[in-house]
Each structure stands twice: as C-alpha cells, then as structure tokens.
Amino acid sequence: MRKIVRKKSNDRKKTSRFRFTRIFLLVFLFGLFFLMLLGSATQGRFGALHQATLETLGPFQAFFTKVSLSTTRFTEKYITLWNLKEENDQLRQELDTYHALLDEYREAYSRNRFLETELEFKRRESFPALMARVVGKDPSFWFQTLIVDRGKNDGVIPGMVARNSRGVVGQVVQVSDNYSKILLANAPSSAIDAIVQKSRVRGILKGAGEQGYVLHYVLKNGDVEEGDTIVTAGIGGVFSPGITLGTVSKVHSKQRGMFLEIEVKPAVDFSRLEFFYINLSEEQLAIEQLSRSSSSSRE
C-alpha cells in the first residue's frame, strides 16, 4: 500500500511540474509577443525593459540562427553532393560508351588500313588471288593449320599458296566445298625450297613453330649473314620465286658437320593473321577445270 501511495504522490508531483513548465512557457512566449508589440508601437524607441529583454534573448536567438543556418547549409551541401553523384555516374556511363566506340573506331581504322595495304599489294603484284578470312585454328604443334572461308566453290584446290603483303603464309592442304585448311609455313611439318636473296645460296627452310624457321643444308663456306633476306627459290613450281620468307637472325657454325645452322625470323606475324590471299595459280586452275570436265564426261 505504501508503495502505491508513494507512486501516486510521485505521479502527482510530475504532473504538477509539467503543468508549471507549460504555464511558464506560455507566459514567457506571451511576454515576448507583448514586447514585440510594444516595440512596434513605440516605433523603434526602446525602453530599459525592452533592452534588458533583448540582451537576455539575444544569445538564444543567435544560437538558434546559427543552428538554422548550419542545417540549411548542410542540407544544401547534401543535395549538391547527391546531384554531383548522379552526374558523375551519368558521366562515367557516357565515358564507358565513348571508350567502347573509340575501340570500335580504332579497330575499324586498323582493319581498313590493313585491307588497303593488301589491296595495293594485289594491284602491284597483279597475280590471280582470292582473299580469305581465318575462321578457325588447329592448335596442334606439328601440323599448325588455319581454316579459312574459301573452298572448292571458290576455285581453291590443294597445293595453292597462301600469302599476304609481307610474305608466305602457307599452303592449302585440304579443301571442302566452302572451307580450306592452310598448313602454316612455320609448322614443323612444313619445308620450302629457299634461297638467300643477296648471295643466291640455296637451302631448305623448315618451320620451327614459335621460334620461326631454320634454314638447313647450307654449307659452312656459304655467304650468309645476319640480316640477309630469305626468299622462295621457285623450284618445283609450287611457290613462285622471290616471295619473302624471312630474315636471318642467327648463324651458327658448329665444329662438327659440314652445314651451318641458320635461324630465320619470319616476315609474317603468324599470331595475328586475319586475312590473306590464296594464290589462284592459272596452271592449277586449268588442271582443275580439265579434271572436272573429264569427270563430267565420264558420268
């Protein structure tokens, strides 16, 4: 019972304090309002009471004004920062779009320059050729081949030479109706009759994969130096004479044996092949046309 009585008495005290505080605030606000009316009625002539009130309320007004200004500035800064974030996100998206377009334009420009170079090469050489595009690659080491989008329907037959403006790419080894397989010249299974352009020293150029070529069967007394250009010899009628194969990078003369060991850097960048020409030899085309006509007559 005592606890209940104490609790009730405490609640009454709190209620009375709250009422007193509320009445005090109302009186205080009423006094402020009265002073404002008095100031406006006296047309700016301040009495002692008015001045004392002003001195009392001035710090509070300055504090609330400072808090209000700080809040306003903070809100403005927050809104500004939020707008800047949205603007930065939009600018980043636009920048990514422009970078993608720039990459496309660079790629288109590079490809256009490459095709212009190849077309100029074709006009200058004036040989019957068909441009082919690489569509696949065989990753095996011994038989490094590329698949291109040209085949029997385009007049391609096995044995034809693939080349570009830099030199020999390889040779057609397999043909279907619309596709062909090209054995790259740097494949270890490839061998080409070659000649040193300056000294006319002959040898057999064999592929060495990523290491390029090795020129075999050149005697030790052969006139071969680093920087010499290696071209096709034209023996056998497959490769026309004088097509660039590469440049001598190293010459080794071993104590044993009668031949030099010559490393050759390819003129063609085999890792970046996209387009090249298939040399449509007129003789091979004539043979193919004769074989077709004879097969059709037999049928």
C-alpha atoms as a PDB file:
ATOM      1  CA  MET A   1       0.000   0.000   0.000  1.00  0.00           C
ATOM      2  CA  ARG A   2       2.815   2.375   0.909  1.00  0.00           C
ATOM      3  CA  LYS A   3       4.464   1.787  -2.451  1.00  0.00           C
ATOM      4  CA  ILE A   4       1.231   2.538  -4.248  1.00  0.00           C
ATOM      5  CA  VAL A   5       0.745   5.732  -2.252  1.00  0.00           C
ATOM      6  CA  ARG A   6       4.326   6.817  -2.951  1.00  0.00           C
ATOM      7  CA  LYS A   7       3.883   6.109  -6.651  1.00  0.00           C
ATOM      8  CA  LYS A   8       0.709   8.179  -6.783  1.00  0.00           C
ATOM      9  CA  SER A   9       2.390  11.030  -4.975  1.00  0.00           C
ATOM     10  CA  ASN A  10       5.320  10.939  -7.403  1.00  0.00           C
ATOM     11  CA  ASP A  11       2.957  10.969 -10.389  1.00  0.00           C
ATOM     12  CA  ARG A  12       1.169  13.988  -8.922  1.00  0.00           C
ATOM     13  CA  LYS A  13       4.464  15.822  -8.459  1.00  0.00           C
ATOM     14  CA  LYS A  14       5.482  15.087 -12.054  1.00  0.00           C
ATOM     15  CA  THR A  15       2.098  16.249 -13.341  1.00  0.00           C
ATOM     16  CA  SER A  16       2.303  19.465 -11.343  1.00  0.00           C
ATOM     17  CA  ARG A  17       5.860  20.131 -12.595  1.00  0.00           C
ATOM     18  CA  PHE A  18       4.751  19.570 -16.175  1.00  0.00           C
ATOM     19  CA  ARG A  19       1.843  21.970 -15.698  1.00  0.00           C
ATOM     20  CA  PHE A  20       4.117  24.567 -14.146  1.00  0.00           C
ATOM     21  CA  THR A  21       6.618  24.258 -17.029  1.00  0.00           C
ATOM     22  CA  ARG A  22       3.851  24.582 -19.587  1.00  0.00           C
ATOM     23  CA  ILE A  23       2.393  27.644 -17.863  1.00  0.00           C
ATOM     24  CA  PHE A  24       5.863  29.198 -17.638  1.00  0.00           C
ATOM     25  CA  LEU A  25       6.499  28.718 -21.335  1.00  0.00           C
ATOM     26  CA  LEU A  26       3.133  30.214 -22.217  1.00  0.00           C
ATOM     27  CA  VAL A  27       3.813  33.243 -20.018  1.00  0.00           C
ATOM     28  CA  PHE A  28       7.300  33.585 -21.492  1.00  0.00           C
ATOM     29  CA  LEU A  29       6.034  33.464 -25.061  1.00  0.00           C
ATOM     30  CA  PHE A  30       3.240  35.878 -24.228  1.00  0.00           C
ATOM     31  CA  GLY A  31       5.807  38.252 -22.746  1.00  0.00           C
ATOM     32  CA  LEU A  32       7.897  38.080 -25.901  1.00  0.00           C
ATOM     33  CA  PHE A  33       4.872  38.768 -28.028  1.00  0.00           C
ATOM     34  CA  PHE A  34       3.948  41.705 -25.796  1.00  0.00           C
ATOM     35  CA  LEU A  35       7.450  43.132 -26.104  1.00  0.00           C
ATOM     36  CA  MET A  36       7.325  42.847 -29.905  1.00  0.00           C
ATOM     37  CA  LEU A  37       4.030  44.717 -29.966  1.00  0.00           C
ATOM     38  CA  LEU A  38       5.441  47.305 -27.595  1.00  0.00           C
ATOM     39  CA  GLY A  39       8.477  47.783 -29.828  1.00  0.00           C
ATOM     40  CA  SER A  40       6.352  48.288 -32.909  1.00  0.00           C
ATOM     41  CA  ALA A  41       4.059  50.689 -31.005  1.00  0.00           C
ATOM     42  CA  THR A  42       6.954  52.825 -29.810  1.00  0.00           C
ATOM     43  CA  GLN A  43       8.269  52.978 -33.413  1.00  0.00           C
ATOM     44  CA  GLY A  44      11.745  51.733 -32.581  1.00  0.00           C
ATOM     45  CA  ARG A  45      12.236  53.660 -29.250  1.00  0.00           C
ATOM     46  CA  PHE A  46      13.485  51.017 -26.861  1.00  0.00           C
ATOM     47  CA  GLY A  47      12.972  51.320 -23.142  1.00  0.00           C
ATOM     48  CA  ALA A  48      15.051  49.791 -20.344  1.00  0.00           C
ATOM     49  CA  LEU A  49      12.787  46.702 -20.092  1.00  0.00           C
ATOM     50  CA  HIS A  50      12.917  46.157 -23.801  1.00  0.00           C
ATOM     51  CA  GLN A  51      16.705  46.437 -23.848  1.00  0.00           C
ATOM     52  CA  ALA A  52      17.053  44.038 -20.933  1.00  0.00           C
ATOM     53  CA  THR A  53      14.808  41.544 -22.687  1.00  0.00           C
ATOM     54  CA  LEU A  54      16.788  41.926 -25.879  1.00  0.00           C
ATOM     55  CA  GLU A  55      20.058  41.294 -24.009  1.00  0.00           C
ATOM     56  CA  THR A  56      18.540  38.178 -22.469  1.00  0.00           C
ATOM     57  CA  LEU A  57      17.080  36.729 -25.652  1.00  0.00           C
ATOM     58  CA  GLY A  58      19.890  37.799 -27.995  1.00  0.00           C
ATOM     59  CA  PRO A  59      22.226  34.847 -27.285  1.00  0.00           C
ATOM     60  CA  PHE A  60      19.358  32.383 -27.679  1.00  0.00           C
ATOM     61  CA  GLN A  61      18.319  33.930 -30.991  1.00  0.00           C
ATOM     62  CA  ALA A  62      21.933  33.926 -32.178  1.00  0.00           C
ATOM     63  CA  PHE A  63      22.247  30.246 -31.214  1.00  0.00           C
ATOM     64  CA  PHE A  64      19.037  29.240 -32.993  1.00  0.00           C
ATOM     65  CA  THR A  65      20.000  31.334 -36.018  1.00  0.00           C
ATOM     66  CA  LYS A  66      23.399  29.626 -36.192  1.00  0.00           C
ATOM     67  CA  VAL A  67      21.787  26.192 -35.884  1.00  0.00           C
ATOM     68  CA  SER A  68      19.274  27.092 -38.582  1.00  0.00           C
ATOM     69  CA  LEU A  69      21.997  28.342 -40.931  1.00  0.00           C
ATOM     70  CA  SER A  70      24.132  25.246 -40.282  1.00  0.00           C
ATOM     71  CA  THR A  71      21.147  22.994 -41.000  1.00  0.00           C
ATOM     72  CA  THR A  72      20.368  24.888 -44.195  1.00  0.00           C
ATOM     73  CA  ARG A  73      23.969  24.724 -45.370  1.00  0.00           C
ATOM     74  CA  PHE A  74      24.216  21.036 -44.552  1.00  0.00           C
ATOM     75  CA  THR A  75      21.018  20.331 -46.474  1.00  0.00           C
ATOM     76  CA  GLU A  76      22.239  22.334 -49.460  1.00  0.00           C
ATOM     77  CA  LYS A  77      25.608  20.539 -49.425  1.00  0.00           C
ATOM     78  CA  TYR A  78      23.913  17.141 -49.160  1.00  0.00           C
ATOM     79  CA  ILE A  79      21.611  17.908 -52.067  1.00  0.00           C
ATOM     80  CA  THR A  80      24.564  19.248 -54.071  1.00  0.00           C
ATOM     81  CA  LEU A  81      26.648  16.161 -53.334  1.00  0.00           C
ATOM     82  CA  TRP A  82      23.766  13.878 -54.256  1.00  0.00           C
ATOM     83  CA  ASN A  83      23.293  15.704 -57.555  1.00  0.00           C
ATOM     84  CA  LEU A  84      27.055  15.504 -58.195  1.00  0.00           C
ATOM     85  CA  LYS A  85      26.995  11.746 -57.548  1.00  0.00           C
ATOM     86  CA  GLU A  86      24.188  11.254 -60.061  1.00  0.00           C
ATOM     87  CA  GLU A  87      26.009  13.464 -62.553  1.00  0.00           C
ATOM     88  CA  ASN A  88      29.283  11.541 -62.024  1.00  0.00           C
ATOM     89  CA  ASP A  89      27.504   8.210 -62.543  1.00  0.00           C
ATOM     90  CA  GLN A  90      25.998   9.517 -65.768  1.00  0.00           C
ATOM     91  CA  LEU A  91      29.364  10.858 -66.938  1.00  0.00           C
ATOM     92  CA  ARG A  92      31.021   7.516 -66.175  1.00  0.00           C
ATOM     93  CA  GLN A  93      28.423   5.702 -68.255  1.00  0.00           C
ATOM     94  CA  GLU A  94      28.919   8.136 -71.127  1.00  0.00           C
ATOM     95  CA  LEU A  95      32.702   7.769 -70.811  1.00  0.00           C
ATOM     96  CA  ASP A  96      32.439   3.959 -70.963  1.00  0.00           C
ATOM     97  CA  THR A  97      30.238   4.278 -74.046  1.00  0.00           C
ATOM     98  CA  TYR A  98      32.708   6.639 -75.735  1.00  0.00           C
ATOM     99  CA  HIS A  99      35.626   4.323 -74.883  1.00  0.00           C
ATOM    100  CA  ALA A 100      33.779   1.398 -76.458  1.00  0.00           C
ATOM    101  CA  LEU A 101      33.049   3.463 -79.571  1.00  0.00           C
ATOM    102  CA  LEU A 102      36.672   4.611 -79.702  1.00  0.00           C
ATOM    103  CA  ASP A 103      37.861   0.994 -79.570  1.00  0.00           C
ATOM    104  CA  GLU A 104      35.486   0.120 -82.407  1.00  0.00           C
ATOM    105  CA  TYR A 105      36.698   3.073 -84.481  1.00  0.00           C
ATOM    106  CA  ARG A 106      40.335   2.163 -83.847  1.00  0.00           C
ATOM    107  CA  GLU A 107      39.692  -1.439 -84.833  1.00  0.00           C
ATOM    108  CA  ALA A 108      37.815  -0.344 -87.967  1.00  0.00           C
ATOM    109  CA  TYR A 109      40.595   2.102 -88.861  1.00  0.00           C
ATOM    110  CA  SER A 110      43.298  -0.518 -88.304  1.00  0.00           C
ATOM    111  CA  ARG A 111      41.439  -3.099 -90.381  1.00  0.00           C
ATOM    112  CA  ASN A 112      40.793  -0.563 -93.122  1.00  0.00           C
ATOM    113  CA  ARG A 113      44.493   0.341 -93.267  1.00  0.00           C
ATOM    114  CA  PHE A 114      45.385  -3.344 -93.395  1.00  0.00           C
ATOM    115  CA  LEU A 115      42.920  -4.045 -96.217  1.00  0.00           C
ATOM    116  CA  GLU A 116      44.155  -1.022 -98.148  1.00  0.00           C
ATOM    117  CA  THR A 117      47.723  -2.313 -97.849  1.00  0.00           C
ATOM    118  CA  GLU A 118      46.701  -5.773 -99.012  1.00  0.00           C
ATOM    119  CA  LEU A 119      44.690  -4.430-101.955  1.00  0.00           C
ATOM    120  CA  GLU A 120      47.584  -2.224-103.018  1.00  0.00           C
ATOM    121  CA  PHE A 121      49.840  -5.256-102.793  1.00  0.00           C
ATOM    122  CA  LYS A 122      47.448  -7.245-105.003  1.00  0.00           C
ATOM    123  CA  ARG A 123      47.323  -4.464-107.593  1.00  0.00           C
ATOM    124  CA  ARG A 124      51.091  -4.135-107.579  1.00  0.00           C
ATOM    125  CA  GLU A 125      51.753  -7.863-107.924  1.00  0.00           C
ATOM    126  CA  SER A 126      48.856  -8.420-110.335  1.00  0.00           C
ATOM    127  CA  PHE A 127      48.538 -12.157-109.638  1.00  0.00           C
ATOM    128  CA  PRO A 128      45.231 -14.064-109.612  1.00  0.00           C
ATOM    129  CA  ALA A 129      44.313 -14.170-105.927  1.00  0.00           C
ATOM    130  CA  LEU A 130      41.358 -14.719-103.666  1.00  0.00           C
ATOM    131  CA  MET A 131      41.101 -13.056-100.252  1.00  0.00           C
ATOM    132  CA  ALA A 132      40.307 -15.490 -97.432  1.00  0.00           C
ATOM    133  CA  ARG A 133      39.320 -14.859 -93.841  1.00  0.00           C
ATOM    134  CA  VAL A 134      40.509 -17.013 -90.949  1.00  0.00           C
ATOM    135  CA  VAL A 135      37.589 -18.737 -89.196  1.00  0.00           C
ATOM    136  CA  GLY A 136      39.402 -21.401 -87.162  1.00  0.00           C
ATOM    137  CA  LYS A 137      42.751 -22.686 -85.941  1.00  0.00           C
ATOM    138  CA  ASP A 138      44.243 -26.106 -85.247  1.00  0.00           C
ATOM    139  CA  PRO A 139      46.404 -25.785 -82.103  1.00  0.00           C
ATOM    140  CA  SER A 140      48.496 -28.939 -82.698  1.00  0.00           C
ATOM    141  CA  PHE A 141      52.246 -28.262 -82.773  1.00  0.00           C
ATOM    142  CA  TRP A 142      53.352 -30.477 -85.650  1.00  0.00           C
ATOM    143  CA  PHE A 143      50.508 -29.615 -88.017  1.00  0.00           C
ATOM    144  CA  GLN A 144      49.808 -25.944 -87.355  1.00  0.00           C
ATOM    145  CA  THR A 145      46.894 -25.091 -89.623  1.00  0.00           C
ATOM    146  CA  LEU A 146      44.269 -22.416 -90.145  1.00  0.00           C
ATOM    147  CA  ILE A 147      40.757 -22.839 -91.525  1.00  0.00           C
ATOM    148  CA  VAL A 148      39.562 -20.177 -93.965  1.00  0.00           C
ATOM    149  CA  ASP A 149      36.195 -19.386 -95.530  1.00  0.00           C
ATOM    150  CA  ARG A 150      37.146 -20.336 -99.103  1.00  0.00           C
ATOM    151  CA  GLY A 151      36.816 -23.732-100.746  1.00  0.00           C
ATOM    152  CA  LYS A 152      36.145 -25.669-103.943  1.00  0.00           C
ATOM    153  CA  ASN A 153      33.237 -23.432-104.860  1.00  0.00           C
ATOM    154  CA  ASP A 154      35.698 -20.517-104.972  1.00  0.00           C
ATOM    155  CA  GLY A 155      38.225 -22.385-107.137  1.00  0.00           C
ATOM    156  CA  VAL A 156      40.580 -23.380-104.314  1.00  0.00           C
ATOM    157  CA  ILE A 157      42.445 -26.690-104.686  1.00  0.00           C
ATOM    158  CA  PRO A 158      45.142 -28.395-102.557  1.00  0.00           C
ATOM    159  CA  GLY A 159      48.654 -27.133-103.184  1.00  0.00           C
ATOM    160  CA  MET A 160      47.774 -23.484-103.696  1.00  0.00           C
ATOM    161  CA  VAL A 161      49.929 -20.928-101.880  1.00  0.00           C
ATOM    162  CA  ALA A 162      48.608 -18.620 -99.147  1.00  0.00           C
ATOM    163  CA  ARG A 163      50.406 -15.293 -98.835  1.00  0.00           C
ATOM    164  CA  ASN A 164      49.991 -11.657 -97.884  1.00  0.00           C
ATOM    165  CA  SER A 165      51.862  -8.412 -98.448  1.00  0.00           C
ATOM    166  CA  ARG A 166      54.635  -9.481 -96.046  1.00  0.00           C
ATOM    167  CA  GLY A 167      55.349 -12.894 -97.488  1.00  0.00           C
ATOM    168  CA  VAL A 168      54.420 -16.582 -97.478  1.00  0.00           C
ATOM    169  CA  VAL A 169      51.679 -17.664 -95.080  1.00  0.00           C
ATOM    170  CA  GLY A 170      51.459 -21.334 -96.007  1.00  0.00           C
ATOM    171  CA  GLN A 171      49.917 -23.832 -98.386  1.00  0.00           C
ATOM    172  CA  VAL A 172      46.451 -25.320 -98.917  1.00  0.00           C
ATOM    173  CA  VAL A 173      46.445 -28.947 -97.753  1.00  0.00           C
ATOM    174  CA  GLN A 174      42.746 -29.791 -97.545  1.00  0.00           C
ATOM    175  CA  VAL A 175      39.644 -28.417 -99.258  1.00  0.00           C
ATOM    176  CA  SER A 176      35.886 -28.779 -98.824  1.00  0.00           C
ATOM    177  CA  ASP A 177      33.112 -27.034-100.732  1.00  0.00           C
ATOM    178  CA  ASN A 178      33.262 -23.794 -98.742  1.00  0.00           C
ATOM    179  CA  TYR A 179      36.321 -24.090 -96.499  1.00  0.00           C
ATOM    180  CA  SER A 180      40.019 -24.845 -96.756  1.00  0.00           C
ATOM    181  CA  LYS A 181      42.790 -25.844 -94.379  1.00  0.00           C
ATOM    182  CA  ILE A 182      46.082 -23.969 -94.642  1.00  0.00           C
ATOM    183  CA  LEU A 183      49.326 -25.519 -93.384  1.00  0.00           C
ATOM    184  CA  LEU A 184      51.327 -22.600 -91.973  1.00  0.00           C
ATOM    185  CA  ALA A 185      54.844 -22.107 -93.273  1.00  0.00           C
ATOM    186  CA  ASN A 186      56.271 -22.124 -89.735  1.00  0.00           C
ATOM    187  CA  ALA A 187      54.741 -25.518 -88.882  1.00  0.00           C
ATOM    188  CA  PRO A 188      57.403 -28.172 -88.109  1.00  0.00           C
ATOM    189  CA  SER A 189      55.954 -30.362 -90.877  1.00  0.00           C
ATOM    190  CA  SER A 190      56.478 -27.603 -93.476  1.00  0.00           C
ATOM    191  CA  ALA A 191      59.534 -27.426 -95.773  1.00  0.00           C
ATOM    192  CA  ILE A 192      60.154 -24.849 -98.513  1.00  0.00           C
ATOM    193  CA  ASP A 193      62.970 -24.540-101.059  1.00  0.00           C
ATOM    194  CA  ALA A 194      64.583 -21.217-100.193  1.00  0.00           C
ATOM    195  CA  ILE A 195      67.443 -19.016-101.294  1.00  0.00           C
ATOM    196  CA  VAL A 196      69.465 -16.207 -99.729  1.00  0.00           C
ATOM    197  CA  GLN A 197      68.462 -13.218-101.833  1.00  0.00           C
ATOM    198  CA  LYS A 198      71.854 -11.476-101.692  1.00  0.00           C
ATOM    199  CA  SER A 199      74.278 -14.383-102.245  1.00  0.00           C
ATOM    200  CA  ARG A 200      71.882 -16.835-104.011  1.00  0.00           C
ATOM    201  CA  VAL A 201      72.849 -19.579-101.546  1.00  0.00           C
ATOM    202  CA  ARG A 202      70.176 -22.288-101.509  1.00  0.00           C
ATOM    203  CA  GLY A 203      68.757 -24.364 -98.659  1.00  0.00           C
ATOM    204  CA  ILE A 204      65.604 -25.929 -97.237  1.00  0.00           C
ATOM    205  CA  LEU A 205      63.590 -23.728 -94.895  1.00  0.00           C
ATOM    206  CA  LYS A 206      61.806 -25.763 -92.219  1.00  0.00           C
ATOM    207  CA  GLY A 207      59.281 -24.490 -89.724  1.00  0.00           C
ATOM    208  CA  ALA A 208      60.159 -24.302 -86.040  1.00  0.00           C
ATOM    209  CA  GLY A 209      56.811 -23.208 -84.575  1.00  0.00           C
ATOM    210  CA  GLU A 210      57.004 -20.083 -82.422  1.00  0.00           C
ATOM    211  CA  GLN A 211      60.793 -19.939 -82.992  1.00  0.00           C
ATOM    212  CA  GLY A 212      60.200 -19.194 -86.671  1.00  0.00           C
ATOM    213  CA  TYR A 213      62.306 -21.041 -89.257  1.00  0.00           C
ATOM    214  CA  VAL A 214      65.574 -22.914 -89.555  1.00  0.00           C
ATOM    215  CA  LEU A 215      67.452 -22.909 -92.859  1.00  0.00           C
ATOM    216  CA  HIS A 216      69.069 -26.301 -93.434  1.00  0.00           C
ATOM    217  CA  TYR A 217      71.725 -27.701 -95.810  1.00  0.00           C
ATOM    218  CA  VAL A 218      73.761 -24.534 -96.259  1.00  0.00           C
ATOM    219  CA  LEU A 219      77.485 -25.294 -96.447  1.00  0.00           C
ATOM    220  CA  LYS A 220      79.839 -23.643 -93.988  1.00  0.00           C
ATOM    221  CA  ASN A 221      81.518 -21.718 -96.750  1.00  0.00           C
ATOM    222  CA  GLY A 222      78.153 -20.259 -97.810  1.00  0.00           C
ATOM    223  CA  ASP A 223      77.858 -16.470 -97.791  1.00  0.00           C
ATOM    224  CA  VAL A 224      75.125 -15.964 -95.178  1.00  0.00           C
ATOM    225  CA  GLU A 225      74.984 -13.162 -92.605  1.00  0.00           C
ATOM    226  CA  GLU A 226      72.529 -11.842 -90.057  1.00  0.00           C
ATOM    227  CA  GLY A 227      70.003  -9.536 -91.687  1.00  0.00           C
ATOM    228  CA  ASP A 228      70.030 -11.333 -95.069  1.00  0.00           C
ATOM    229  CA  THR A 229      66.611 -11.784 -96.664  1.00  0.00           C
ATOM    230  CA  ILE A 230      65.409 -15.331 -97.393  1.00  0.00           C
ATOM    231  CA  VAL A 231      63.026 -15.796-100.331  1.00  0.00           C
ATOM    232  CA  THR A 232      61.418 -18.711-102.149  1.00  0.00           C
ATOM    233  CA  ALA A 233      63.635 -20.427-104.716  1.00  0.00           C
ATOM    234  CA  GLY A 234      60.746 -21.288-107.038  1.00  0.00           C
ATOM    235  CA  ILE A 235      61.843 -24.902-107.523  1.00  0.00           C
ATOM    236  CA  GLY A 236      59.045 -27.417-108.083  1.00  0.00           C
ATOM    237  CA  GLY A 237      56.528 -24.891-109.376  1.00  0.00           C
ATOM    238  CA  VAL A 238      54.556 -24.602-106.120  1.00  0.00           C
ATOM    239  CA  PHE A 239      55.954 -21.297-104.847  1.00  0.00           C
ATOM    240  CA  SER A 240      56.787 -18.533-107.274  1.00  0.00           C
ATOM    241  CA  PRO A 241      60.421 -17.380-106.985  1.00  0.00           C
ATOM    242  CA  GLY A 242      61.290 -14.336-104.910  1.00  0.00           C
ATOM    243  CA  ILE A 243      58.467 -14.390-102.345  1.00  0.00           C
ATOM    244  CA  THR A 244      59.737 -13.153 -98.982  1.00  0.00           C
ATOM    245  CA  LEU A 245      60.032 -15.761 -96.237  1.00  0.00           C
ATOM    246  CA  GLY A 246      62.018 -14.035 -93.526  1.00  0.00           C
ATOM    247  CA  THR A 247      65.283 -12.533 -92.325  1.00  0.00           C
ATOM    248  CA  VAL A 248      68.365 -14.312 -90.974  1.00  0.00           C
ATOM    249  CA  SER A 249      68.504 -13.723 -87.207  1.00  0.00           C
ATOM    250  CA  LYS A 250      71.409 -16.004 -86.175  1.00  0.00           C
ATOM    251  CA  VAL A 251      74.128 -18.029 -87.905  1.00  0.00           C
ATOM    252  CA  HIS A 252      75.770 -20.902 -86.010  1.00  0.00           C
ATOM    253  CA  SER A 253      78.873 -22.731 -87.266  1.00  0.00           C
ATOM    254  CA  LYS A 254      79.414 -25.909 -85.274  1.00  0.00           C
ATOM    255  CA  GLN A 255      82.734 -27.716 -85.127  1.00  0.00           C
ATOM    256  CA  ARG A 256      81.239 -30.943 -86.354  1.00  0.00           C
ATOM    257  CA  GLY A 257      79.339 -31.279 -89.596  1.00  0.00           C
ATOM    258  CA  MET A 258      79.569 -29.508 -92.909  1.00  0.00           C
ATOM    259  CA  PHE A 259      76.457 -27.343 -92.698  1.00  0.00           C
ATOM    260  CA  LEU A 260      75.596 -24.085 -90.971  1.00  0.00           C
ATOM    261  CA  GLU A 261      72.702 -23.806 -88.557  1.00  0.00           C
ATOM    262  CA  ILE A 262      70.761 -20.705 -89.566  1.00  0.00           C
ATOM    263  CA  GLU A 263      67.822 -19.257 -87.665  1.00  0.00           C
ATOM    264  CA  VAL A 264      65.349 -17.179 -89.652  1.00  0.00           C
ATOM    265  CA  LYS A 265      62.785 -14.728 -88.316  1.00  0.00           C
ATOM    266  CA  PRO A 266      59.513 -14.968 -90.320  1.00  0.00           C
ATOM    267  CA  ALA A 267      58.364 -11.961 -92.276  1.00  0.00           C
ATOM    268  CA  VAL A 268      54.743 -12.873 -91.493  1.00  0.00           C
ATOM    269  CA  ASP A 269      53.329 -12.469 -87.986  1.00  0.00           C
ATOM    270  CA  PHE A 270      51.550 -15.824 -87.713  1.00  0.00           C
ATOM    271  CA  SER A 271      49.933 -14.927 -84.386  1.00  0.00           C
ATOM    272  CA  ARG A 272      47.935 -12.059 -85.902  1.00  0.00           C
ATOM    273  CA  LEU A 273      46.634 -13.494 -89.139  1.00  0.00           C
ATOM    274  CA  GLU A 274      43.063 -12.484 -90.020  1.00  0.00           C
ATOM    275  CA  PHE A 275      43.024 -12.101 -93.800  1.00  0.00           C
ATOM    276  CA  PHE A 276      45.362 -13.230 -96.550  1.00  0.00           C
ATOM    277  CA  TYR A 277      45.346 -14.241-100.209  1.00  0.00           C
ATOM    278  CA  ILE A 278      45.181 -17.658-101.762  1.00  0.00           C
ATOM    279  CA  ASN A 279      47.230 -17.559-104.941  1.00  0.00           C
ATOM    280  CA  LEU A 280      44.968 -18.952-107.636  1.00  0.00           C
ATOM    281  CA  SER A 281      47.633 -20.330-109.953  1.00  0.00           C
ATOM    282  CA  GLU A 282      46.420 -20.287-113.545  1.00  0.00           C
ATOM    283  CA  GLU A 283      48.067 -23.632-114.279  1.00  0.00           C
ATOM    284  CA  GLN A 284      46.443 -25.278-111.281  1.00  0.00           C
ATOM    285  CA  LEU A 285      43.091 -23.783-112.223  1.00  0.00           C
ATOM    286  CA  ALA A 286      43.467 -25.146-115.742  1.00  0.00           C
ATOM    287  CA  ILE A 287      44.294 -28.608-114.385  1.00  0.00           C
ATOM    288  CA  GLU A 288      41.315 -28.462-112.061  1.00  0.00           C
ATOM    289  CA  GLN A 289      38.999 -27.402-114.882  1.00  0.00           C
ATOM    290  CA  LEU A 290      40.281 -30.260-117.068  1.00  0.00           C
ATOM    291  CA  SER A 291      39.750 -32.780-114.282  1.00  0.00           C
ATOM    292  CA  ARG A 292      36.233 -31.514-113.739  1.00  0.00           C
ATOM    293  CA  SER A 293      35.377 -31.643-117.412  1.00  0.00           C
ATOM    294  CA  SER A 294      36.801 -35.181-117.741  1.00  0.00           C
ATOM    295  CA  SER A 295      34.863 -36.414-114.706  1.00  0.00           C
ATOM    296  CA  SER A 296      31.643 -34.893-116.024  1.00  0.00           C
ATOM    297  CA  SER A 297      32.170 -36.516-119.453  1.00  0.00           C
ATOM    298  CA  ARG A 298      32.694 -39.893-117.837  1.00  0.00           C
ATOM    299  CA  GLU A 299      29.418 -39.530-115.986  1.00  0.00           C
END
